[in-house]
Amino acid sequence: MALRNIEIYSQFDTDALVFVCPSCAVAFKEEYPKLFAKDDPKLLQKVIKLAHKVKDINQFLIEDIGLVSIPGARPEKITYHALVD
């Protein structure tokens, strides 16, 4: 599955790979380079290039889009699963 993800996402010219799942983002950013470190150097370059594009949705909204707050009060309790760097 990891290899298929790499092949698919490598086909697109994107500025960022945005993940809503922090665990998936960490896998793509940190685990994929380790997983393919001993494989084909060209494949490893693809993995590293993609890993540098990985962003958590919240990181993307704040850093790339410039979202600072959501208008209006929110009565709900919100839990956030932080991206592990």
Protein backbone atom coordinates (compact mmCIF):
# COMPACT_ATOMS: atom_id res chain seq x y z
CA MET A 1 0.00 0.00 0.00
CA ALA A 2 2.83 2.43 0.83
CA LEU A 3 4.44 1.86 -2.54
CA ARG A 4 1.11 2.39 -4.31
CA ASN A 5 0.56 5.65 -2.41
CA ILE A 6 4.00 6.88 -3.42
CA GLU A 7 3.47 6.02 -7.07
CA ILE A 8 0.04 7.68 -7.19
CA TYR A 9 0.96 10.89 -5.35
CA SER A 10 4.23 11.26 -7.28
CA GLN A 11 2.23 11.72 -10.46
CA PHE A 12 0.79 15.05 -9.32
CA ASP A 13 2.52 18.42 -9.20
CA THR A 14 1.29 19.66 -5.83
CA ASP A 15 2.56 22.10 -3.25
CA ALA A 16 1.24 20.08 -0.32
CA LEU A 17 -0.20 16.72 0.67
CA VAL A 18 -2.84 17.59 3.24
CA PHE A 19 -3.92 14.95 5.73
CA VAL A 20 -6.89 15.03 8.09
CA CYS A 21 -5.49 12.01 9.95
CA PRO A 22 -2.38 12.87 12.00
CA SER A 23 -1.28 9.23 12.13
CA CYS A 24 -1.41 8.96 8.34
CA ALA A 25 0.57 12.18 7.99
CA VAL A 26 3.26 10.87 10.33
CA ALA A 27 3.42 7.58 8.43
CA PHE A 28 3.89 9.41 5.13
CA LYS A 29 6.33 11.96 6.55
CA GLU A 30 8.46 9.81 8.83
CA GLU A 31 7.81 6.11 8.32
CA TYR A 32 7.82 5.93 4.52
CA PRO A 33 11.39 7.32 4.24
CA LYS A 34 12.55 4.73 6.81
CA LEU A 35 10.63 1.97 5.05
CA PHE A 36 12.26 2.65 1.68
CA ALA A 37 15.70 3.81 2.88
CA LYS A 38 17.45 0.70 1.57
CA ASP A 39 15.53 0.40 -1.68
CA ASP A 40 16.09 1.96 -5.07
CA PRO A 41 17.65 5.47 -4.73
CA LYS A 42 15.15 6.89 -7.25
CA LEU A 43 12.25 5.58 -5.19
CA LEU A 44 13.77 7.01 -2.02
CA GLN A 45 14.02 10.43 -3.70
CA LYS A 46 10.31 10.27 -4.56
CA VAL A 47 9.51 9.36 -0.96
CA ILE A 48 11.60 12.21 0.46
CA LYS A 49 10.12 14.71 -1.98
CA LEU A 50 6.59 13.69 -0.96
CA ALA A 51 7.48 13.65 2.74
CA HIS A 52 8.50 17.31 2.54
CA LYS A 53 5.04 18.19 1.20
CA VAL A 54 3.08 16.54 4.03
CA LYS A 55 0.92 18.87 6.13
CA ASP A 56 -1.71 18.29 8.76
CA ILE A 57 -5.03 19.94 7.82
CA ASN A 58 -4.74 22.43 10.69
CA GLN A 59 -1.18 23.33 9.75
CA PHE A 60 -2.30 23.85 6.14
CA LEU A 61 -5.30 26.01 7.09
CA ILE A 62 -3.22 28.25 9.34
CA GLU A 63 0.09 28.46 7.43
CA ASP A 64 -1.03 28.22 3.81
CA ILE A 65 -4.59 29.54 3.80
CA GLY A 66 -4.16 32.07 6.61
CA LEU A 67 -7.16 30.96 8.64
CA VAL A 68 -6.85 32.43 12.14
CA SER A 69 -10.26 31.78 13.59
CA ILE A 70 -13.65 30.46 12.72
CA PRO A 71 -16.33 33.16 13.00
CA GLY A 72 -18.80 32.74 15.82
CA ALA A 73 -18.73 31.09 19.20
CA ARG A 74 -18.60 27.30 19.37
CA PRO A 75 -20.52 25.67 22.23
CA GLU A 76 -19.06 22.23 21.50
CA LYS A 77 -16.06 20.74 23.25
CA ILE A 78 -13.37 20.07 20.67
CA THR A 79 -10.53 17.56 20.83
CA TYR A 80 -7.49 17.86 18.63
CA HIS A 81 -5.10 15.01 17.79
CA ALA A 82 -1.80 16.81 17.21
CA LEU A 83 0.63 15.88 14.46
CA VAL A 84 3.77 14.36 15.93
CA ASP A 85 6.89 16.04 14.52
